[in-house]
Amino acid sequence: MRTEELTAKALENVNFDKYLLANAVGKRAEAIANGEATVLEIDITGMKYTDVALQEIAEGKIIPSIDG
């Protein structure tokens, strides 16, 4: 799926709150970079951490919240 499509789907999953999405992608990408396992069932070799985080949110596998 293209980045634009992933972003649109991820925005739907956070009620179109682009600030929540940006914050969630950043925090999740940092966690993945620090060794946390991804919840995607695909090969993520060569993918950027932010792309992995965005896809997790777009697929509804990670649910961002205001609480953190």
N, C-alpha and C. Protein backbone atom coordinates (compact mmCIF):
# COMPACT_ATOMS: atom_id res chain seq x y z
N MET A 1 0.84 -1.18 0.00
CA MET A 1 0.00 0.00 0.00
C MET A 1 0.89 1.24 0.00
N ARG A 2 0.49 2.24 -0.72
CA ARG A 2 1.27 3.47 -0.82
C ARG A 2 1.17 4.28 0.48
N THR A 3 2.16 5.10 0.71
CA THR A 3 2.22 5.90 1.93
C THR A 3 0.99 6.79 2.08
N GLU A 4 0.53 7.37 0.98
CA GLU A 4 -0.65 8.23 1.05
C GLU A 4 -1.89 7.45 1.49
N GLU A 5 -2.03 6.23 0.98
CA GLU A 5 -3.16 5.39 1.36
C GLU A 5 -3.06 4.96 2.82
N LEU A 6 -1.84 4.60 3.24
CA LEU A 6 -1.63 4.22 4.65
C LEU A 6 -1.96 5.38 5.58
N THR A 7 -1.50 6.57 5.20
CA THR A 7 -1.75 7.75 6.02
C THR A 7 -3.24 8.04 6.13
N ALA A 8 -3.95 7.94 5.02
CA ALA A 8 -5.40 8.19 5.03
C ALA A 8 -6.11 7.18 5.93
N LYS A 9 -5.74 5.91 5.84
CA LYS A 9 -6.36 4.87 6.67
C LYS A 9 -6.00 5.08 8.14
N ALA A 10 -4.74 5.42 8.41
CA ALA A 10 -4.31 5.65 9.79
C ALA A 10 -5.04 6.85 10.38
N LEU A 11 -5.24 7.90 9.59
CA LEU A 11 -5.97 9.07 10.06
C LEU A 11 -7.40 8.71 10.44
N GLU A 12 -8.03 7.83 9.67
CA GLU A 12 -9.37 7.36 10.02
C GLU A 12 -9.36 6.69 11.38
N ASN A 13 -8.31 5.92 11.66
CA ASN A 13 -8.24 5.17 12.91
C ASN A 13 -7.96 6.04 14.13
N VAL A 14 -7.57 7.30 13.91
CA VAL A 14 -7.35 8.22 15.03
C VAL A 14 -8.31 9.41 14.95
N ASN A 15 -9.46 9.17 14.30
CA ASN A 15 -10.49 10.20 14.18
C ASN A 15 -9.96 11.48 13.54
N PHE A 16 -9.10 11.32 12.56
CA PHE A 16 -8.55 12.43 11.76
C PHE A 16 -7.78 13.45 12.59
N ASP A 17 -7.20 13.00 13.69
CA ASP A 17 -6.35 13.86 14.53
C ASP A 17 -4.90 13.70 14.07
N LYS A 18 -4.46 14.61 13.19
CA LYS A 18 -3.13 14.46 12.60
C LYS A 18 -2.01 14.63 13.62
N TYR A 19 -2.27 15.38 14.68
CA TYR A 19 -1.25 15.55 15.72
C TYR A 19 -1.08 14.28 16.54
N LEU A 20 -2.19 13.64 16.86
CA LEU A 20 -2.13 12.36 17.56
C LEU A 20 -1.42 11.33 16.69
N LEU A 21 -1.73 11.31 15.41
CA LEU A 21 -1.09 10.35 14.51
C LEU A 21 0.41 10.59 14.42
N ALA A 22 0.81 11.84 14.25
CA ALA A 22 2.24 12.15 14.15
C ALA A 22 2.98 11.75 15.42
N ASN A 23 2.39 12.04 16.56
CA ASN A 23 2.99 11.69 17.85
C ASN A 23 3.07 10.17 18.02
N ALA A 24 2.00 9.48 17.66
CA ALA A 24 1.97 8.02 17.81
C ALA A 24 2.98 7.35 16.89
N VAL A 25 3.08 7.81 15.66
CA VAL A 25 4.05 7.23 14.71
C VAL A 25 5.46 7.45 15.23
N GLY A 26 5.74 8.65 15.72
CA GLY A 26 7.08 8.94 16.24
C GLY A 26 7.45 8.07 17.42
N LYS A 27 6.53 7.95 18.38
CA LYS A 27 6.80 7.13 19.57
C LYS A 27 6.94 5.65 19.22
N ARG A 28 6.06 5.18 18.34
CA ARG A 28 6.12 3.76 17.96
C ARG A 28 7.38 3.46 17.16
N ALA A 29 7.76 4.37 16.25
CA ALA A 29 8.98 4.18 15.47
C ALA A 29 10.20 4.14 16.38
N GLU A 30 10.22 4.99 17.38
CA GLU A 30 11.33 4.99 18.34
C GLU A 30 11.39 3.67 19.11
N ALA A 31 10.22 3.17 19.51
CA ALA A 31 10.18 1.89 20.23
C ALA A 31 10.69 0.75 19.35
N ILE A 32 10.30 0.74 18.10
CA ILE A 32 10.77 -0.30 17.18
C ILE A 32 12.27 -0.17 16.97
N ALA A 33 12.76 1.06 16.83
CA ALA A 33 14.20 1.29 16.65
C ALA A 33 14.99 0.81 17.86
N ASN A 34 14.37 0.86 19.03
CA ASN A 34 15.03 0.43 20.27
C ASN A 34 14.84 -1.05 20.56
N GLY A 35 14.30 -1.80 19.58
CA GLY A 35 14.25 -3.25 19.72
C GLY A 35 12.89 -3.86 19.99
N GLU A 36 11.85 -3.06 20.14
CA GLU A 36 10.53 -3.63 20.39
C GLU A 36 10.05 -4.35 19.12
N ALA A 37 9.43 -5.48 19.30
CA ALA A 37 8.97 -6.28 18.16
C ALA A 37 7.77 -5.61 17.49
N THR A 38 7.69 -5.77 16.19
CA THR A 38 6.55 -5.25 15.46
C THR A 38 5.40 -6.25 15.52
N VAL A 39 4.19 -5.77 15.34
CA VAL A 39 3.03 -6.65 15.37
C VAL A 39 2.53 -6.98 13.96
N LEU A 40 3.27 -6.54 12.94
CA LEU A 40 2.90 -6.83 11.57
C LEU A 40 3.29 -8.25 11.21
N GLU A 41 2.50 -8.86 10.35
CA GLU A 41 2.76 -10.23 9.92
C GLU A 41 3.37 -10.26 8.52
N ILE A 42 4.22 -9.26 8.23
CA ILE A 42 4.88 -9.18 6.94
C ILE A 42 6.37 -9.02 7.17
N ASP A 43 7.14 -9.21 6.12
CA ASP A 43 8.59 -9.00 6.21
C ASP A 43 8.85 -7.49 6.17
N ILE A 44 9.45 -6.97 7.23
CA ILE A 44 9.70 -5.53 7.32
C ILE A 44 11.14 -5.18 6.97
N THR A 45 11.89 -6.14 6.44
CA THR A 45 13.27 -5.89 6.06
C THR A 45 13.31 -4.76 5.03
N GLY A 46 14.11 -3.76 5.32
CA GLY A 46 14.26 -2.64 4.40
C GLY A 46 13.25 -1.52 4.59
N MET A 47 12.27 -1.73 5.45
CA MET A 47 11.27 -0.69 5.70
C MET A 47 11.79 0.28 6.76
N LYS A 48 11.41 1.54 6.64
CA LYS A 48 11.75 2.53 7.65
C LYS A 48 10.87 2.29 8.87
N TYR A 49 11.39 2.63 10.04
CA TYR A 49 10.64 2.45 11.28
C TYR A 49 9.32 3.22 11.25
N THR A 50 9.35 4.41 10.67
CA THR A 50 8.12 5.21 10.60
C THR A 50 7.07 4.56 9.69
N ASP A 51 7.52 3.92 8.63
CA ASP A 51 6.59 3.23 7.74
C ASP A 51 5.97 2.02 8.43
N VAL A 52 6.76 1.31 9.21
CA VAL A 52 6.25 0.17 9.96
C VAL A 52 5.20 0.66 10.97
N ALA A 53 5.53 1.72 11.70
CA ALA A 53 4.60 2.26 12.70
C ALA A 53 3.31 2.73 12.05
N LEU A 54 3.42 3.42 10.93
CA LEU A 54 2.24 3.91 10.22
C LEU A 54 1.38 2.75 9.75
N GLN A 55 2.00 1.70 9.26
CA GLN A 55 1.23 0.55 8.80
C GLN A 55 0.55 -0.16 9.97
N GLU A 56 1.22 -0.27 11.10
CA GLU A 56 0.59 -0.88 12.27
C GLU A 56 -0.66 -0.11 12.67
N ILE A 57 -0.59 1.20 12.64
CA ILE A 57 -1.75 2.03 13.01
C ILE A 57 -2.83 1.92 11.94
N ALA A 58 -2.45 1.96 10.68
CA ALA A 58 -3.42 1.86 9.59
C ALA A 58 -4.18 0.54 9.62
N GLU A 59 -3.50 -0.54 9.99
CA GLU A 59 -4.14 -1.85 10.07
C GLU A 59 -4.90 -2.06 11.37
N GLY A 60 -4.82 -1.10 12.28
CA GLY A 60 -5.54 -1.21 13.54
C GLY A 60 -4.89 -2.12 14.56
N LYS A 61 -3.62 -2.45 14.35
CA LYS A 61 -2.90 -3.34 15.27
C LYS A 61 -2.33 -2.57 16.46
N ILE A 62 -2.14 -1.27 16.28
CA ILE A 62 -1.72 -0.37 17.34
C ILE A 62 -2.79 0.71 17.43
N ILE A 63 -3.33 0.92 18.61
CA ILE A 63 -4.38 1.92 18.80
C ILE A 63 -3.80 3.08 19.62
N PRO A 64 -3.51 4.20 18.96
CA PRO A 64 -2.98 5.36 19.69
C PRO A 64 -4.06 5.98 20.59
N SER A 65 -3.61 6.55 21.69
CA SER A 65 -4.54 7.25 22.57
C SER A 65 -3.88 8.53 23.07
N ILE A 66 -4.68 9.42 23.54
CA ILE A 66 -4.17 10.68 24.05
C ILE A 66 -3.33 10.45 25.31
N ASP A 67 -3.66 9.41 26.05
CA ASP A 67 -2.97 9.09 27.30
C ASP A 67 -1.52 8.70 27.09
N GLY A 68 -1.18 8.24 25.89
CA GLY A 68 0.20 7.83 25.63
C GLY A 68 0.26 6.42 25.29
